[in-house]
Amino acid sequence: MITPRTQHARRLLAGSLAIAVIALSVAAVPSVAAGGLRDCVDITNPHQTNHVGCYEVVWMDGAEYRMTFSNTGFSGNSPQDLAPFYVLAPQTDTPQGAPPNTFPHDHVVPALPQQNHGSYSVHFQGFFVICSGDGIASGACVPAFTDLGGGTVLPLARTVNGQPLTSTEAIESAAAGGSAVLLNLGPTARLIGSISGNL
């Protein structure tokens, strides 16, 4: 017997698989432009895939930075400790990724350790940050119902308790409090990237 909850879980799983493909193509599609790196979301030519790197803008501790992505995929075993690469609703009026090449979204990555104290990974695992049903019902999580293509619409988190989600701490606190859910996009959304400058 298929219950409404089972149907919802199946739709969410199907959506997450579709999104994993979209997320990987958005974050890891390279450019062959001689003028330097191009924004990953501007590259739509499939023949340019897997030639050189590209960049995207990401949030890190409330500020926007440029992150450069390698064209290198994981072959064999991937690293065990992957840093989170969060994809969520735009945090300002200017999304970091937008139509016509992708859906409106922003990205958040962990902060760099101060003065090289601590560890930093260039290996990332993609996650969608979505509002939980309880978060929406209570008004704690404000969603942006986002059409990801293929009939998949997800409530990407915009704010939680009136606060923007521009740091990993804010996102992980919202998830720990039950207002948001972190949807792991699986092996197809594993990325290699490095902060290459602030905006």
C-alpha atoms as a PDB file:
ATOM      1  CA  MET A   1       0.000   0.000   0.000  1.00  0.00           C
ATOM      2  CA  ILE A   2       1.376   3.373  -0.984  1.00  0.00           C
ATOM      3  CA  THR A   3       0.614   6.048   1.570  1.00  0.00           C
ATOM      4  CA  PRO A   4       0.704   9.813   0.906  1.00  0.00           C
ATOM      5  CA  ARG A   5       3.931   9.928   2.927  1.00  0.00           C
ATOM      6  CA  THR A   6       5.493   7.234   0.718  1.00  0.00           C
ATOM      7  CA  GLN A   7       4.382   9.100  -2.413  1.00  0.00           C
ATOM      8  CA  HIS A   8       5.917  12.304  -1.035  1.00  0.00           C
ATOM      9  CA  ALA A   9       9.186  10.508  -0.231  1.00  0.00           C
ATOM     10  CA  ARG A  10       9.297   8.989  -3.726  1.00  0.00           C
ATOM     11  CA  ARG A  11       8.670  12.382  -5.353  1.00  0.00           C
ATOM     12  CA  LEU A  12      11.355  13.959  -3.168  1.00  0.00           C
ATOM     13  CA  LEU A  13      13.832  11.214  -4.098  1.00  0.00           C
ATOM     14  CA  ALA A  14      13.029  11.562  -7.814  1.00  0.00           C
ATOM     15  CA  GLY A  15      13.383  15.311  -7.498  1.00  0.00           C
ATOM     16  CA  SER A  16      16.688  15.014  -5.681  1.00  0.00           C
ATOM     17  CA  LEU A  17      18.065  12.773  -8.411  1.00  0.00           C
ATOM     18  CA  ALA A  18      17.003  15.258 -11.071  1.00  0.00           C
ATOM     19  CA  ILE A  19      18.480  18.073  -9.023  1.00  0.00           C
ATOM     20  CA  ALA A  20      21.763  16.245  -8.548  1.00  0.00           C
ATOM     21  CA  VAL A  21      22.193  16.203 -12.302  1.00  0.00           C
ATOM     22  CA  ILE A  22      21.317  19.910 -12.532  1.00  0.00           C
ATOM     23  CA  ALA A  23      23.585  20.822  -9.624  1.00  0.00           C
ATOM     24  CA  LEU A  24      26.529  18.963 -11.071  1.00  0.00           C
ATOM     25  CA  SER A  25      26.094  20.509 -14.499  1.00  0.00           C
ATOM     26  CA  VAL A  26      25.795  23.982 -12.985  1.00  0.00           C
ATOM     27  CA  ALA A  27      28.743  23.726 -10.631  1.00  0.00           C
ATOM     28  CA  ALA A  28      31.200  21.711 -12.663  1.00  0.00           C
ATOM     29  CA  VAL A  29      30.673  22.793 -16.269  1.00  0.00           C
ATOM     30  CA  PRO A  30      33.893  24.363 -17.519  1.00  0.00           C
ATOM     31  CA  SER A  31      34.722  27.044 -20.054  1.00  0.00           C
ATOM     32  CA  VAL A  32      37.185  27.138 -22.903  1.00  0.00           C
ATOM     33  CA  ALA A  33      37.129  30.906 -23.231  1.00  0.00           C
ATOM     34  CA  ALA A  34      40.552  32.366 -23.921  1.00  0.00           C
ATOM     35  CA  GLY A  35      39.626  35.503 -21.967  1.00  0.00           C
ATOM     36  CA  GLY A  36      39.772  33.674 -18.645  1.00  0.00           C
ATOM     37  CA  LEU A  37      37.338  31.818 -16.466  1.00  0.00           C
ATOM     38  CA  ARG A  38      33.646  32.250 -17.142  1.00  0.00           C
ATOM     39  CA  ASP A  39      30.735  31.919 -14.760  1.00  0.00           C
ATOM     40  CA  CYS A  40      29.681  28.255 -14.708  1.00  0.00           C
ATOM     41  CA  VAL A  41      26.005  29.102 -15.232  1.00  0.00           C
ATOM     42  CA  ASP A  42      26.815  30.912 -18.494  1.00  0.00           C
ATOM     43  CA  ILE A  43      28.236  27.786 -20.106  1.00  0.00           C
ATOM     44  CA  THR A  44      25.607  25.845 -21.991  1.00  0.00           C
ATOM     45  CA  ASN A  45      27.609  24.200 -24.780  1.00  0.00           C
ATOM     46  CA  PRO A  46      27.949  20.478 -23.921  1.00  0.00           C
ATOM     47  CA  HIS A  47      31.145  20.282 -26.018  1.00  0.00           C
ATOM     48  CA  GLN A  48      32.874  22.582 -23.525  1.00  0.00           C
ATOM     49  CA  THR A  49      32.347  20.155 -20.660  1.00  0.00           C
ATOM     50  CA  ASN A  50      35.435  18.670 -18.995  1.00  0.00           C
ATOM     51  CA  HIS A  51      38.033  20.921 -20.638  1.00  0.00           C
ATOM     52  CA  VAL A  52      38.893  23.689 -18.148  1.00  0.00           C
ATOM     53  CA  GLY A  53      37.505  25.172 -14.931  1.00  0.00           C
ATOM     54  CA  CYS A  54      34.866  27.844 -14.308  1.00  0.00           C
ATOM     55  CA  TYR A  55      33.736  29.929 -11.335  1.00  0.00           C
ATOM     56  CA  GLU A  56      30.593  30.647  -9.342  1.00  0.00           C
ATOM     57  CA  VAL A  57      29.836  33.156  -6.622  1.00  0.00           C
ATOM     58  CA  VAL A  58      29.288  31.678  -3.143  1.00  0.00           C
ATOM     59  CA  TRP A  59      28.400  32.978   0.308  1.00  0.00           C
ATOM     60  CA  MET A  60      30.917  32.394   3.080  1.00  0.00           C
ATOM     61  CA  ASP A  61      30.259  33.868   6.549  1.00  0.00           C
ATOM     62  CA  GLY A  62      27.892  36.520   5.210  1.00  0.00           C
ATOM     63  CA  ALA A  63      30.144  37.762   2.369  1.00  0.00           C
ATOM     64  CA  GLU A  64      30.255  36.785  -1.288  1.00  0.00           C
ATOM     65  CA  TYR A  65      33.371  35.218  -2.798  1.00  0.00           C
ATOM     66  CA  ARG A  66      34.366  33.715  -6.113  1.00  0.00           C
ATOM     67  CA  MET A  67      34.903  29.958  -6.089  1.00  0.00           C
ATOM     68  CA  THR A  68      36.795  28.303  -8.930  1.00  0.00           C
ATOM     69  CA  PHE A  69      35.824  24.770  -9.872  1.00  0.00           C
ATOM     70  CA  SER A  70      38.089  22.147 -11.330  1.00  0.00           C
ATOM     71  CA  ASN A  71      37.066  20.013 -14.257  1.00  0.00           C
ATOM     72  CA  THR A  72      38.333  17.043 -12.286  1.00  0.00           C
ATOM     73  CA  GLY A  73      35.759  14.496 -11.249  1.00  0.00           C
ATOM     74  CA  PHE A  74      36.181  11.932  -8.530  1.00  0.00           C
ATOM     75  CA  SER A  75      37.509   8.670  -9.876  1.00  0.00           C
ATOM     76  CA  GLY A  76      37.732   5.634  -7.661  1.00  0.00           C
ATOM     77  CA  ASN A  77      37.131   6.341  -3.997  1.00  0.00           C
ATOM     78  CA  SER A  78      36.170   9.893  -3.158  1.00  0.00           C
ATOM     79  CA  PRO A  79      37.473  11.597  -0.010  1.00  0.00           C
ATOM     80  CA  GLN A  80      35.582  10.678   3.154  1.00  0.00           C
ATOM     81  CA  ASP A  81      35.344  14.146   4.667  1.00  0.00           C
ATOM     82  CA  LEU A  82      33.549  16.301   2.122  1.00  0.00           C
ATOM     83  CA  ALA A  83      32.731  19.884   3.038  1.00  0.00           C
ATOM     84  CA  PRO A  84      29.117  20.946   2.432  1.00  0.00           C
ATOM     85  CA  PHE A  85      28.219  22.928  -0.674  1.00  0.00           C
ATOM     86  CA  TYR A  86      24.749  24.254   0.086  1.00  0.00           C
ATOM     87  CA  VAL A  87      22.303  25.320  -2.645  1.00  0.00           C
ATOM     88  CA  LEU A  88      19.367  27.419  -1.436  1.00  0.00           C
ATOM     89  CA  ALA A  89      17.006  30.219  -2.435  1.00  0.00           C
ATOM     90  CA  PRO A  90      18.566  33.540  -3.455  1.00  0.00           C
ATOM     91  CA  GLN A  91      19.584  35.602  -0.446  1.00  0.00           C
ATOM     92  CA  THR A  92      19.430  38.949  -2.285  1.00  0.00           C
ATOM     93  CA  ASP A  93      17.606  40.346  -5.302  1.00  0.00           C
ATOM     94  CA  THR A  94      20.540  39.179  -7.450  1.00  0.00           C
ATOM     95  CA  PRO A  95      20.783  35.366  -7.455  1.00  0.00           C
ATOM     96  CA  GLN A  96      24.181  33.746  -7.866  1.00  0.00           C
ATOM     97  CA  GLY A  97      22.598  31.505 -10.504  1.00  0.00           C
ATOM     98  CA  ALA A  98      19.537  32.422 -12.546  1.00  0.00           C
ATOM     99  CA  PRO A  99      17.533  31.744 -15.718  1.00  0.00           C
ATOM    100  CA  PRO A 100      17.801  31.187 -18.593  1.00  0.00           C
ATOM    101  CA  ASN A 101      20.561  28.644 -17.891  1.00  0.00           C
ATOM    102  CA  THR A 102      19.536  27.492 -14.412  1.00  0.00           C
ATOM    103  CA  PHE A 103      16.978  28.072 -11.678  1.00  0.00           C
ATOM    104  CA  PRO A 104      17.386  31.049  -9.285  1.00  0.00           C
ATOM    105  CA  HIS A 105      19.643  30.014  -6.396  1.00  0.00           C
ATOM    106  CA  ASP A 106      22.590  30.908  -4.170  1.00  0.00           C
ATOM    107  CA  HIS A 107      25.411  28.800  -2.710  1.00  0.00           C
ATOM    108  CA  VAL A 108      26.984  28.683   0.759  1.00  0.00           C
ATOM    109  CA  VAL A 109      30.308  27.072   1.726  1.00  0.00           C
ATOM    110  CA  PRO A 110      32.214  26.796   5.025  1.00  0.00           C
ATOM    111  CA  ALA A 111      34.464  29.668   6.071  1.00  0.00           C
ATOM    112  CA  LEU A 112      38.194  29.508   5.553  1.00  0.00           C
ATOM    113  CA  PRO A 113      40.154  28.983   8.764  1.00  0.00           C
ATOM    114  CA  GLN A 114      41.649  32.212  10.107  1.00  0.00           C
ATOM    115  CA  GLN A 115      45.392  32.587   9.423  1.00  0.00           C
ATOM    116  CA  ASN A 116      45.626  28.985   8.217  1.00  0.00           C
ATOM    117  CA  HIS A 117      44.652  27.548  11.628  1.00  0.00           C
ATOM    118  CA  GLY A 118      42.417  24.544  11.148  1.00  0.00           C
ATOM    119  CA  SER A 119      41.530  22.574   8.073  1.00  0.00           C
ATOM    120  CA  TYR A 120      39.951  23.497   4.783  1.00  0.00           C
ATOM    121  CA  SER A 121      38.742  21.103   2.123  1.00  0.00           C
ATOM    122  CA  VAL A 122      38.470  21.691  -1.615  1.00  0.00           C
ATOM    123  CA  HIS A 123      36.274  18.585  -1.899  1.00  0.00           C
ATOM    124  CA  PHE A 124      32.551  19.330  -1.558  1.00  0.00           C
ATOM    125  CA  GLN A 125      29.275  17.435  -1.352  1.00  0.00           C
ATOM    126  CA  GLY A 126      26.211  19.201  -2.747  1.00  0.00           C
ATOM    127  CA  PHE A 127      23.114  19.653  -0.566  1.00  0.00           C
ATOM    128  CA  PHE A 128      19.836  21.430  -1.160  1.00  0.00           C
ATOM    129  CA  VAL A 129      18.595  23.486   1.785  1.00  0.00           C
ATOM    130  CA  ILE A 130      14.804  23.173   1.835  1.00  0.00           C
ATOM    131  CA  CYS A 131      12.208  24.309   4.329  1.00  0.00           C
ATOM    132  CA  SER A 132      10.725  21.488   6.374  1.00  0.00           C
ATOM    133  CA  GLY A 133       6.944  21.096   6.526  1.00  0.00           C
ATOM    134  CA  ASP A 134       7.032  22.114  10.195  1.00  0.00           C
ATOM    135  CA  GLY A 135       9.247  25.107   9.387  1.00  0.00           C
ATOM    136  CA  ILE A 136       6.795  26.335   6.765  1.00  0.00           C
ATOM    137  CA  ALA A 137       3.746  25.672   8.962  1.00  0.00           C
ATOM    138  CA  SER A 138       5.224  27.611  11.887  1.00  0.00           C
ATOM    139  CA  GLY A 139       6.412  30.464   9.680  1.00  0.00           C
ATOM    140  CA  ALA A 140       9.976  29.955  10.878  1.00  0.00           C
ATOM    141  CA  CYS A 141      11.253  29.019   7.412  1.00  0.00           C
ATOM    142  CA  VAL A 142      10.328  31.203   4.451  1.00  0.00           C
ATOM    143  CA  PRO A 143      10.554  29.178   1.231  1.00  0.00           C
ATOM    144  CA  ALA A 144      10.990  30.148  -2.379  1.00  0.00           C
ATOM    145  CA  PHE A 145       9.029  27.496  -4.262  1.00  0.00           C
ATOM    146  CA  THR A 146      11.490  26.899  -7.073  1.00  0.00           C
ATOM    147  CA  ASP A 147      10.865  25.093 -10.351  1.00  0.00           C
ATOM    148  CA  LEU A 148      13.977  23.026 -10.949  1.00  0.00           C
ATOM    149  CA  GLY A 149      12.765  21.727 -14.289  1.00  0.00           C
ATOM    150  CA  GLY A 150      11.163  18.440 -15.225  1.00  0.00           C
ATOM    151  CA  GLY A 151       8.156  19.153 -13.028  1.00  0.00           C
ATOM    152  CA  THR A 152      10.204  19.271  -9.832  1.00  0.00           C
ATOM    153  CA  VAL A 153       9.410  22.127  -7.457  1.00  0.00           C
ATOM    154  CA  LEU A 154      11.198  22.389  -4.108  1.00  0.00           C
ATOM    155  CA  PRO A 155      10.726  24.857  -1.242  1.00  0.00           C
ATOM    156  CA  LEU A 156      14.300  26.176  -1.223  1.00  0.00           C
ATOM    157  CA  ALA A 157      14.941  28.000   2.061  1.00  0.00           C
ATOM    158  CA  ARG A 158      15.188  31.793   1.861  1.00  0.00           C
ATOM    159  CA  THR A 159      15.272  32.759   5.559  1.00  0.00           C
ATOM    160  CA  VAL A 160      14.819  31.073   8.935  1.00  0.00           C
ATOM    161  CA  ASN A 161      13.464  33.064  11.876  1.00  0.00           C
ATOM    162  CA  GLY A 162      13.869  36.214   9.789  1.00  0.00           C
ATOM    163  CA  GLN A 163      17.600  35.656   9.323  1.00  0.00           C
ATOM    164  CA  PRO A 164      19.415  35.162   6.005  1.00  0.00           C
ATOM    165  CA  LEU A 165      21.173  31.866   5.384  1.00  0.00           C
ATOM    166  CA  THR A 166      24.557  33.185   4.229  1.00  0.00           C
ATOM    167  CA  SER A 167      26.769  31.035   6.470  1.00  0.00           C
ATOM    168  CA  THR A 168      27.054  27.329   7.167  1.00  0.00           C
ATOM    169  CA  GLU A 169      26.388  28.033  10.837  1.00  0.00           C
ATOM    170  CA  ALA A 170      23.002  29.621  10.045  1.00  0.00           C
ATOM    171  CA  ILE A 171      22.049  26.740   7.738  1.00  0.00           C
ATOM    172  CA  GLU A 172      23.150  23.981  10.098  1.00  0.00           C
ATOM    173  CA  SER A 173      21.415  25.690  13.039  1.00  0.00           C
ATOM    174  CA  ALA A 174      18.168  25.853  11.025  1.00  0.00           C
ATOM    175  CA  ALA A 175      18.505  22.151  10.193  1.00  0.00           C
ATOM    176  CA  ALA A 176      19.294  21.217  13.811  1.00  0.00           C
ATOM    177  CA  GLY A 177      16.214  23.164  14.939  1.00  0.00           C
ATOM    178  CA  GLY A 178      13.975  21.318  12.469  1.00  0.00           C
ATOM    179  CA  SER A 179      13.043  24.352  10.352  1.00  0.00           C
ATOM    180  CA  ALA A 180      15.115  23.251   7.363  1.00  0.00           C
ATOM    181  CA  VAL A 181      16.192  19.957   5.819  1.00  0.00           C
ATOM    182  CA  LEU A 182      19.561  19.288   4.182  1.00  0.00           C
ATOM    183  CA  LEU A 183      18.946  17.116   1.122  1.00  0.00           C
ATOM    184  CA  ASN A 184      22.167  15.267   0.184  1.00  0.00           C
ATOM    185  CA  LEU A 185      22.419  15.157  -3.603  1.00  0.00           C
ATOM    186  CA  GLY A 186      24.620  12.071  -3.615  1.00  0.00           C
ATOM    187  CA  PRO A 187      27.693  11.084  -5.614  1.00  0.00           C
ATOM    188  CA  THR A 188      26.764  13.040  -8.746  1.00  0.00           C
ATOM    189  CA  ALA A 189      27.014  16.312  -6.785  1.00  0.00           C
ATOM    190  CA  ARG A 190      30.576  15.958  -5.515  1.00  0.00           C
ATOM    191  CA  LEU A 191      32.690  18.934  -6.517  1.00  0.00           C
ATOM    192  CA  ILE A 192      36.252  20.199  -6.364  1.00  0.00           C
ATOM    193  CA  GLY A 193      36.520  23.946  -5.821  1.00  0.00           C
ATOM    194  CA  SER A 194      38.573  26.597  -4.104  1.00  0.00           C
ATOM    195  CA  ILE A 195      37.925  30.173  -3.001  1.00  0.00           C
ATOM    196  CA  SER A 196      39.787  32.330  -5.499  1.00  0.00           C
ATOM    197  CA  GLY A 197      38.883  35.840  -4.323  1.00  0.00           C
ATOM    198  CA  ASN A 198      36.225  38.028  -2.768  1.00  0.00           C
ATOM    199  CA  LEU A 199      33.879  40.258  -4.741  1.00  0.00           C
END
